[in-house]
Amino acid sequence: MTLSVGSTGSIHVDSGNALEIKGAQMAKDQMELEGKMALDLIESANIQNVNPPTATSGNNINIKA
């Protein structure tokens, strides 16, 4: 890519650079979409109906074979 400060000419962008930029934009969009999907899944979980753990859980351990 060639840029000149104060020039009135057009900006030359290699097609390889344009593809890299487009690929980076697509990757960013995909990550944002996956992040939003993960947050939606977490928010949709119904955690209010989960029973609290009992205090006696794990107190008796059978060590006989």
PDB file of N, CA and C in Angstrom:
ATOM      1  N   MET A   1       0.851  -1.158   0.000  1.00  0.00           N
ATOM      2  CA  MET A   1       0.000   0.000   0.000  1.00  0.00           C
ATOM      3  C   MET A   1       0.902   1.227   0.000  1.00  0.00           C
ATOM      4  N   THR A   2       0.575   2.212  -0.799  1.00  0.00           N
ATOM      5  CA  THR A   2       1.364   3.427  -0.889  1.00  0.00           C
ATOM      6  C   THR A   2       0.510   4.625  -0.511  1.00  0.00           C
ATOM      7  N   LEU A   3       0.937   5.371   0.489  1.00  0.00           N
ATOM      8  CA  LEU A   3       0.233   6.580   0.911  1.00  0.00           C
ATOM      9  C   LEU A   3       1.218   7.727   0.974  1.00  0.00           C
ATOM     10  N   SER A   4       0.798   8.891   0.521  1.00  0.00           N
ATOM     11  CA  SER A   4       1.626  10.089   0.603  1.00  0.00           C
ATOM     12  C   SER A   4       0.825  11.199   1.256  1.00  0.00           C
ATOM     13  N   VAL A   5       1.432  11.886   2.213  1.00  0.00           N
ATOM     14  CA  VAL A   5       0.745  12.970   2.901  1.00  0.00           C
ATOM     15  C   VAL A   5       0.674  14.167   1.965  1.00  0.00           C
ATOM     16  N   GLY A   6      -0.497  14.706   1.813  1.00  0.00           N
ATOM     17  CA  GLY A   6      -0.686  15.896   0.996  1.00  0.00           C
ATOM     18  C   GLY A   6      -0.802  15.624  -0.492  1.00  0.00           C
ATOM     19  N   SER A   7      -0.792  14.380  -0.897  1.00  0.00           N
ATOM     20  CA  SER A   7      -0.900  14.098  -2.328  1.00  0.00           C
ATOM     21  C   SER A   7      -2.366  14.076  -2.738  1.00  0.00           C
ATOM     22  N   THR A   8      -2.623  14.374  -3.982  1.00  0.00           N
ATOM     23  CA  THR A   8      -3.990  14.359  -4.484  1.00  0.00           C
ATOM     24  C   THR A   8      -4.250  13.135  -5.342  1.00  0.00           C
ATOM     25  N   GLY A   9      -3.261  12.280  -5.490  1.00  0.00           N
ATOM     26  CA  GLY A   9      -3.411  11.083  -6.308  1.00  0.00           C
ATOM     27  C   GLY A   9      -4.218  10.023  -5.595  1.00  0.00           C
ATOM     28  N   SER A  10      -4.536   8.976  -6.316  1.00  0.00           N
ATOM     29  CA  SER A  10      -5.304   7.886  -5.734  1.00  0.00           C
ATOM     30  C   SER A  10      -4.413   7.016  -4.858  1.00  0.00           C
ATOM     31  N   ILE A  11      -5.038   6.276  -4.009  1.00  0.00           N
ATOM     32  CA  ILE A  11      -4.321   5.376  -3.104  1.00  0.00           C
ATOM     33  C   ILE A  11      -4.268   4.007  -3.757  1.00  0.00           C
ATOM     34  N   HIS A  12      -3.081   3.432  -3.805  1.00  0.00           N
ATOM     35  CA  HIS A  12      -2.899   2.108  -4.401  1.00  0.00           C
ATOM     36  C   HIS A  12      -2.915   1.067  -3.289  1.00  0.00           C
ATOM     37  N   VAL A  13      -3.801   0.103  -3.403  1.00  0.00           N
ATOM     38  CA  VAL A  13      -3.901  -0.982  -2.422  1.00  0.00           C
ATOM     39  C   VAL A  13      -3.741  -2.293  -3.178  1.00  0.00           C
ATOM     40  N   ASP A  14      -2.776  -3.103  -2.742  1.00  0.00           N
ATOM     41  CA  ASP A  14      -2.592  -4.410  -3.359  1.00  0.00           C
ATOM     42  C   ASP A  14      -3.800  -5.283  -3.055  1.00  0.00           C
ATOM     43  N   SER A  15      -4.145  -6.162  -3.984  1.00  0.00           N
ATOM     44  CA  SER A  15      -5.284  -7.045  -3.746  1.00  0.00           C
ATOM     45  C   SER A  15      -4.994  -7.997  -2.582  1.00  0.00           C
ATOM     46  N   GLY A  16      -3.737  -8.355  -2.376  1.00  0.00           N
ATOM     47  CA  GLY A  16      -3.374  -9.209  -1.253  1.00  0.00           C
ATOM     48  C   GLY A  16      -3.673  -8.540   0.071  1.00  0.00           C
ATOM     49  N   ASN A  17      -3.342  -7.250   0.168  1.00  0.00           N
ATOM     50  CA  ASN A  17      -3.626  -6.505   1.398  1.00  0.00           C
ATOM     51  C   ASN A  17      -5.125  -6.371   1.608  1.00  0.00           C
ATOM     52  N   ALA A  18      -5.865  -6.133   0.531  1.00  0.00           N
ATOM     53  CA  ALA A  18      -7.318  -5.997   0.648  1.00  0.00           C
ATOM     54  C   ALA A  18      -7.933  -7.304   1.129  1.00  0.00           C
ATOM     55  N   LEU A  19      -7.420  -8.418   0.650  1.00  0.00           N
ATOM     56  CA  LEU A  19      -7.933  -9.712   1.091  1.00  0.00           C
ATOM     57  C   LEU A  19      -7.601  -9.978   2.556  1.00  0.00           C
ATOM     58  N   GLU A  20      -6.414  -9.548   2.973  1.00  0.00           N
ATOM     59  CA  GLU A  20      -6.046  -9.717   4.381  1.00  0.00           C
ATOM     60  C   GLU A  20      -6.952  -8.885   5.277  1.00  0.00           C
ATOM     61  N   ILE A  21      -7.253  -7.671   4.860  1.00  0.00           N
ATOM     62  CA  ILE A  21      -8.134  -6.800   5.632  1.00  0.00           C
ATOM     63  C   ILE A  21      -9.531  -7.391   5.686  1.00  0.00           C
ATOM     64  N   LYS A  22     -10.025  -7.870   4.549  1.00  0.00           N
ATOM     65  CA  LYS A  22     -11.359  -8.472   4.505  1.00  0.00           C
ATOM     66  C   LYS A  22     -11.412  -9.719   5.385  1.00  0.00           C
ATOM     67  N   GLY A  23     -10.361 -10.526   5.341  1.00  0.00           N
ATOM     68  CA  GLY A  23     -10.298 -11.726   6.184  1.00  0.00           C
ATOM     69  C   GLY A  23     -10.300 -11.383   7.660  1.00  0.00           C
ATOM     70  N   ALA A  24      -9.566 -10.327   8.037  1.00  0.00           N
ATOM     71  CA  ALA A  24      -9.536  -9.901   9.436  1.00  0.00           C
ATOM     72  C   ALA A  24     -10.901  -9.388   9.866  1.00  0.00           C
ATOM     73  N   GLN A  25     -11.581  -8.660   8.979  1.00  0.00           N
ATOM     74  CA  GLN A  25     -12.923  -8.169   9.309  1.00  0.00           C
ATOM     75  C   GLN A  25     -13.894  -9.329   9.487  1.00  0.00           C
ATOM     76  N   MET A  26     -13.802 -10.324   8.614  1.00  0.00           N
ATOM     77  CA  MET A  26     -14.694 -11.475   8.717  1.00  0.00           C
ATOM     78  C   MET A  26     -14.421 -12.254  10.007  1.00  0.00           C
ATOM     79  N   ALA A  27     -13.155 -12.404  10.373  1.00  0.00           N
ATOM     80  CA  ALA A  27     -12.805 -13.110  11.607  1.00  0.00           C
ATOM     81  C   ALA A  27     -13.332 -12.360  12.825  1.00  0.00           C
ATOM     82  N   LYS A  28     -13.208 -11.030  12.807  1.00  0.00           N
ATOM     83  CA  LYS A  28     -13.724 -10.219  13.916  1.00  0.00           C
ATOM     84  C   LYS A  28     -15.236 -10.353  14.020  1.00  0.00           C
ATOM     85  N   ASP A  29     -15.935 -10.287  12.886  1.00  0.00           N
ATOM     86  CA  ASP A  29     -17.390 -10.429  12.889  1.00  0.00           C
ATOM     87  C   ASP A  29     -17.806 -11.796  13.417  1.00  0.00           C
ATOM     88  N   GLN A  30     -17.076 -12.841  13.030  1.00  0.00           N
ATOM     89  CA  GLN A  30     -17.389 -14.191  13.486  1.00  0.00           C
ATOM     90  C   GLN A  30     -17.184 -14.307  14.995  1.00  0.00           C
ATOM     91  N   MET A  31     -16.094 -13.732  15.516  1.00  0.00           N
ATOM     92  CA  MET A  31     -15.842 -13.794  16.959  1.00  0.00           C
ATOM     93  C   MET A  31     -16.920 -13.038  17.727  1.00  0.00           C
ATOM     94  N   GLU A  32     -17.358 -11.885  17.202  1.00  0.00           N
ATOM     95  CA  GLU A  32     -18.417 -11.136  17.875  1.00  0.00           C
ATOM     96  C   GLU A  32     -19.726 -11.926  17.880  1.00  0.00           C
ATOM     97  N   LEU A  33     -20.030 -12.593  16.768  1.00  0.00           N
ATOM     98  CA  LEU A  33     -21.239 -13.400  16.677  1.00  0.00           C
ATOM     99  C   LEU A  33     -21.192 -14.563  17.657  1.00  0.00           C
ATOM    100  N   GLU A  34     -20.054 -15.255  17.729  1.00  0.00           N
ATOM    101  CA  GLU A  34     -19.919 -16.377  18.654  1.00  0.00           C
ATOM    102  C   GLU A  34     -19.991 -15.903  20.104  1.00  0.00           C
ATOM    103  N   GLY A  35     -19.434 -14.741  20.399  1.00  0.00           N
ATOM    104  CA  GLY A  35     -19.517 -14.189  21.742  1.00  0.00           C
ATOM    105  C   GLY A  35     -20.950 -13.866  22.121  1.00  0.00           C
ATOM    106  N   LYS A  36     -21.693 -13.272  21.190  1.00  0.00           N
ATOM    107  CA  LYS A  36     -23.093 -12.951  21.446  1.00  0.00           C
ATOM    108  C   LYS A  36     -23.903 -14.229  21.644  1.00  0.00           C
ATOM    109  N   MET A  37     -23.624 -15.256  20.847  1.00  0.00           N
ATOM    110  CA  MET A  37     -24.337 -16.522  20.989  1.00  0.00           C
ATOM    111  C   MET A  37     -24.037 -17.152  22.349  1.00  0.00           C
ATOM    112  N   ALA A  38     -22.789 -17.069  22.798  1.00  0.00           N
ATOM    113  CA  ALA A  38     -22.421 -17.629  24.101  1.00  0.00           C
ATOM    114  C   ALA A  38     -23.127 -16.883  25.228  1.00  0.00           C
ATOM    115  N   LEU A  39     -23.173 -15.561  25.135  1.00  0.00           N
ATOM    116  CA  LEU A  39     -23.866 -14.784  26.166  1.00  0.00           C
ATOM    117  C   LEU A  39     -25.351 -15.087  26.178  1.00  0.00           C
ATOM    118  N   ASP A  40     -25.954 -15.228  24.998  1.00  0.00           N
ATOM    119  CA  ASP A  40     -27.374 -15.579  24.933  1.00  0.00           C
ATOM    120  C   ASP A  40     -27.641 -16.934  25.566  1.00  0.00           C
ATOM    121  N   LEU A  41     -26.735 -17.888  25.342  1.00  0.00           N
ATOM    122  CA  LEU A  41     -26.889 -19.221  25.920  1.00  0.00           C
ATOM    123  C   LEU A  41     -26.781 -19.170  27.441  1.00  0.00           C
ATOM    124  N   ILE A  42     -25.823 -18.401  27.944  1.00  0.00           N
ATOM    125  CA  ILE A  42     -25.656 -18.274  29.394  1.00  0.00           C
ATOM    126  C   ILE A  42     -26.877 -17.610  30.012  1.00  0.00           C
ATOM    127  N   GLU A  43     -27.371 -16.555  29.363  1.00  0.00           N
ATOM    128  CA  GLU A  43     -28.538 -15.852  29.897  1.00  0.00           C
ATOM    129  C   GLU A  43     -29.800 -16.707  29.842  1.00  0.00           C
ATOM    130  N   SER A  44     -29.865 -17.611  28.875  1.00  0.00           N
ATOM    131  CA  SER A  44     -31.066 -18.429  28.749  1.00  0.00           C
ATOM    132  C   SER A  44     -31.100 -19.585  29.749  1.00  0.00           C
ATOM    133  N   ALA A  45     -29.959 -19.864  30.384  1.00  0.00           N
ATOM    134  CA  ALA A  45     -29.921 -20.947  31.378  1.00  0.00           C
ATOM    135  C   ALA A  45     -30.793 -20.561  32.570  1.00  0.00           C
ATOM    136  N   ASN A  46     -31.599 -21.497  33.024  1.00  0.00           N
ATOM    137  CA  ASN A  46     -32.511 -21.238  34.136  1.00  0.00           C
ATOM    138  C   ASN A  46     -31.828 -21.661  35.430  1.00  0.00           C
ATOM    139  N   ILE A  47     -31.053 -20.754  36.013  1.00  0.00           N
ATOM    140  CA  ILE A  47     -30.289 -21.113  37.213  1.00  0.00           C
ATOM    141  C   ILE A  47     -31.063 -20.888  38.499  1.00  0.00           C
ATOM    142  N   GLN A  48     -32.257 -20.309  38.429  1.00  0.00           N
ATOM    143  CA  GLN A  48     -33.034 -20.092  39.638  1.00  0.00           C
ATOM    144  C   GLN A  48     -33.607 -21.392  40.176  1.00  0.00           C
ATOM    145  N   ASN A  49     -33.818 -22.405  39.350  1.00  0.00           N
ATOM    146  CA  ASN A  49     -34.445 -23.645  39.777  1.00  0.00           C
ATOM    147  C   ASN A  49     -33.437 -24.723  40.184  1.00  0.00           C
ATOM    148  N   VAL A  50     -32.191 -24.369  40.362  1.00  0.00           N
ATOM    149  CA  VAL A  50     -31.178 -25.338  40.764  1.00  0.00           C
ATOM    150  C   VAL A  50     -31.217 -25.479  42.279  1.00  0.00           C
ATOM    151  N   ASN A  51     -31.265 -26.722  42.751  1.00  0.00           N
ATOM    152  CA  ASN A  51     -31.296 -26.971  44.192  1.00  0.00           C
ATOM    153  C   ASN A  51     -29.937 -26.652  44.806  1.00  0.00           C
ATOM    154  N   PRO A  52     -29.923 -26.023  45.959  1.00  0.00           N
ATOM    155  CA  PRO A  52     -28.648 -25.728  46.615  1.00  0.00           C
ATOM    156  C   PRO A  52     -27.998 -27.031  47.089  1.00  0.00           C
ATOM    157  N   PRO A  53     -26.695 -27.070  47.179  1.00  0.00           N
ATOM    158  CA  PRO A  53     -26.029 -28.290  47.645  1.00  0.00           C
ATOM    159  C   PRO A  53     -26.347 -28.566  49.105  1.00  0.00           C
ATOM    160  N   THR A  54     -26.364 -29.839  49.464  1.00  0.00           N
ATOM    161  CA  THR A  54     -26.638 -30.207  50.854  1.00  0.00           C
ATOM    162  C   THR A  54     -25.328 -30.266  51.625  1.00  0.00           C
ATOM    163  N   ALA A  55     -25.400 -29.981  52.914  1.00  0.00           N
ATOM    164  CA  ALA A  55     -24.202 -29.958  53.753  1.00  0.00           C
ATOM    165  C   ALA A  55     -23.661 -31.362  54.002  1.00  0.00           C
ATOM    166  N   THR A  56     -24.495 -32.409  53.869  1.00  0.00           N
ATOM    167  CA  THR A  56     -24.048 -33.766  54.154  1.00  0.00           C
ATOM    168  C   THR A  56     -23.451 -34.452  52.930  1.00  0.00           C
ATOM    169  N   SER A  57     -23.453 -33.794  51.830  1.00  0.00           N
ATOM    170  CA  SER A  57     -22.929 -34.401  50.612  1.00  0.00           C
ATOM    171  C   SER A  57     -21.423 -34.644  50.745  1.00  0.00           C
ATOM    172  N   GLY A  58     -21.005 -35.895  50.633  1.00  0.00           N
ATOM    173  CA  GLY A  58     -19.594 -36.235  50.691  1.00  0.00           C
ATOM    174  C   GLY A  58     -19.051 -36.503  52.083  1.00  0.00           C
ATOM    175  N   ASN A  59     -19.904 -36.490  53.106  1.00  0.00           N
ATOM    176  CA  ASN A  59     -19.422 -36.735  54.456  1.00  0.00           C
ATOM    177  C   ASN A  59     -19.106 -38.211  54.690  1.00  0.00           C
ATOM    178  N   ASN A  60     -19.829 -39.109  54.051  1.00  0.00           N
ATOM    179  CA  ASN A  60     -19.599 -40.551  54.219  1.00  0.00           C
ATOM    180  C   ASN A  60     -18.901 -41.082  52.976  1.00  0.00           C
ATOM    181  N   ILE A  61     -17.701 -41.586  53.193  1.00  0.00           N
ATOM    182  CA  ILE A  61     -16.918 -42.142  52.098  1.00  0.00           C
ATOM    183  C   ILE A  61     -16.654 -43.616  52.407  1.00  0.00           C
ATOM    184  N   ASN A  62     -17.083 -44.497  51.517  1.00  0.00           N
ATOM    185  CA  ASN A  62     -16.898 -45.925  51.694  1.00  0.00           C
ATOM    186  C   ASN A  62     -15.518 -46.284  51.157  1.00  0.00           C
ATOM    187  N   ILE A  63     -14.622 -46.707  52.088  1.00  0.00           N
ATOM    188  CA  ILE A  63     -13.257 -47.043  51.672  1.00  0.00           C
ATOM    189  C   ILE A  63     -13.017 -48.554  51.677  1.00  0.00           C
ATOM    190  N   LYS A  64     -14.033 -49.369  51.971  1.00  0.00           N
ATOM    191  CA  LYS A  64     -13.868 -50.809  51.967  1.00  0.00           C
ATOM    192  C   LYS A  64     -13.981 -51.319  50.543  1.00  0.00           C
ATOM    193  N   ALA A  65     -13.145 -52.275  50.217  1.00  0.00           N
ATOM    194  CA  ALA A  65     -13.151 -52.827  48.866  1.00  0.00           C
ATOM    195  C   ALA A  65     -14.024 -54.042  48.776  1.00  0.00           C
TER     196      ALA A  65
END
